[in-house]
Amino acid sequence: MGVLVWLLIPLVAAVGGGLWGTWANRTRKARSDGPELDGYARFRAAMEKSGTGAPGA
């Protein structure tokens, strides 16, 4: 009986890992990079607008 308990531990771990993997890779509705790219574009525009230039130039 003790051997069966030790064999159930990896089985439960494998099932739990499979469920977690399914949950982690689920399809999300908003998966686009739009907001991140918009923020990056605003950051670049702000850096170009600062006008400090390179040192020594």
C-alpha atoms as a PDB file:
ATOM      1  CA  MET A   1       0.000   0.000   0.000  1.00  0.00           C
ATOM      2  CA  GLY A   2       2.853   2.380   0.773  1.00  0.00           C
ATOM      3  CA  VAL A   3       4.248   1.865  -2.728  1.00  0.00           C
ATOM      4  CA  LEU A   4       0.961   2.998  -4.247  1.00  0.00           C
ATOM      5  CA  VAL A   5       1.047   6.203  -2.199  1.00  0.00           C
ATOM      6  CA  TRP A   6       4.563   6.947  -3.477  1.00  0.00           C
ATOM      7  CA  LEU A   7       3.421   6.339  -7.048  1.00  0.00           C
ATOM      8  CA  LEU A   8       0.463   8.685  -6.622  1.00  0.00           C
ATOM      9  CA  ILE A   9       2.714  11.635  -5.722  1.00  0.00           C
ATOM     10  CA  PRO A  10       4.283  11.962  -9.217  1.00  0.00           C
ATOM     11  CA  LEU A  11       0.912  11.256 -10.817  1.00  0.00           C
ATOM     12  CA  VAL A  12      -0.745  14.091  -8.884  1.00  0.00           C
ATOM     13  CA  ALA A  13       2.225  16.355  -9.679  1.00  0.00           C
ATOM     14  CA  ALA A  14       1.954  15.557 -13.398  1.00  0.00           C
ATOM     15  CA  VAL A  15      -1.781  16.224 -13.460  1.00  0.00           C
ATOM     16  CA  GLY A  16      -1.276  19.467 -11.511  1.00  0.00           C
ATOM     17  CA  GLY A  17       1.493  20.533 -13.885  1.00  0.00           C
ATOM     18  CA  GLY A  18      -0.684  19.808 -16.883  1.00  0.00           C
ATOM     19  CA  LEU A  19      -3.548  21.832 -15.451  1.00  0.00           C
ATOM     20  CA  TRP A  20      -1.243  24.734 -14.617  1.00  0.00           C
ATOM     21  CA  GLY A  21       0.286  24.642 -18.120  1.00  0.00           C
ATOM     22  CA  THR A  22      -3.164  24.710 -19.676  1.00  0.00           C
ATOM     23  CA  TRP A  23      -4.171  27.639 -17.488  1.00  0.00           C
ATOM     24  CA  ALA A  24      -0.939  29.564 -18.126  1.00  0.00           C
ATOM     25  CA  ASN A  25      -1.205  29.200 -21.919  1.00  0.00           C
ATOM     26  CA  ARG A  26      -4.890  29.997 -22.190  1.00  0.00           C
ATOM     27  CA  THR A  27      -5.939  32.393 -24.896  1.00  0.00           C
ATOM     28  CA  ARG A  28      -6.583  35.854 -23.595  1.00  0.00           C
ATOM     29  CA  LYS A  29      -8.915  38.317 -25.282  1.00  0.00           C
ATOM     30  CA  ALA A  30      -6.533  41.305 -25.146  1.00  0.00           C
ATOM     31  CA  ARG A  31      -3.208  39.855 -26.243  1.00  0.00           C
ATOM     32  CA  SER A  32      -2.044  42.637 -28.544  1.00  0.00           C
ATOM     33  CA  ASP A  33       1.041  44.747 -27.962  1.00  0.00           C
ATOM     34  CA  GLY A  34      -0.816  47.962 -28.775  1.00  0.00           C
ATOM     35  CA  PRO A  35      -0.705  49.688 -25.371  1.00  0.00           C
ATOM     36  CA  GLU A  36       2.961  48.782 -24.814  1.00  0.00           C
ATOM     37  CA  LEU A  37       3.974  50.032 -28.250  1.00  0.00           C
ATOM     38  CA  ASP A  38       2.009  53.250 -27.768  1.00  0.00           C
ATOM     39  CA  GLY A  39       3.824  53.864 -24.483  1.00  0.00           C
ATOM     40  CA  TYR A  40       7.178  53.218 -26.133  1.00  0.00           C
ATOM     41  CA  ALA A  41       6.335  55.634 -28.936  1.00  0.00           C
ATOM     42  CA  ARG A  42       5.454  58.331 -26.382  1.00  0.00           C
ATOM     43  CA  PHE A  43       8.733  57.662 -24.555  1.00  0.00           C
ATOM     44  CA  ARG A  44      10.772  57.996 -27.742  1.00  0.00           C
ATOM     45  CA  ALA A  45       8.962  61.206 -28.692  1.00  0.00           C
ATOM     46  CA  ALA A  46       9.690  62.664 -25.256  1.00  0.00           C
ATOM     47  CA  MET A  47      13.372  61.738 -25.511  1.00  0.00           C
ATOM     48  CA  GLU A  48      13.674  63.279 -28.978  1.00  0.00           C
ATOM     49  CA  LYS A  49      11.865  66.415 -27.836  1.00  0.00           C
ATOM     50  CA  SER A  50      14.171  66.986 -24.846  1.00  0.00           C
ATOM     51  CA  GLY A  51      16.816  68.475 -27.188  1.00  0.00           C
ATOM     52  CA  THR A  52      19.777  68.010 -24.837  1.00  0.00           C
ATOM     53  CA  GLY A  53      21.849  66.395 -27.580  1.00  0.00           C
ATOM     54  CA  ALA A  54      24.888  64.213 -27.109  1.00  0.00           C
ATOM     55  CA  PRO A  55      27.618  65.460 -24.767  1.00  0.00           C
ATOM     56  CA  GLY A  56      30.493  67.096 -26.599  1.00  0.00           C
ATOM     57  CA  ALA A  57      28.544  67.532 -29.811  1.00  0.00           C
END
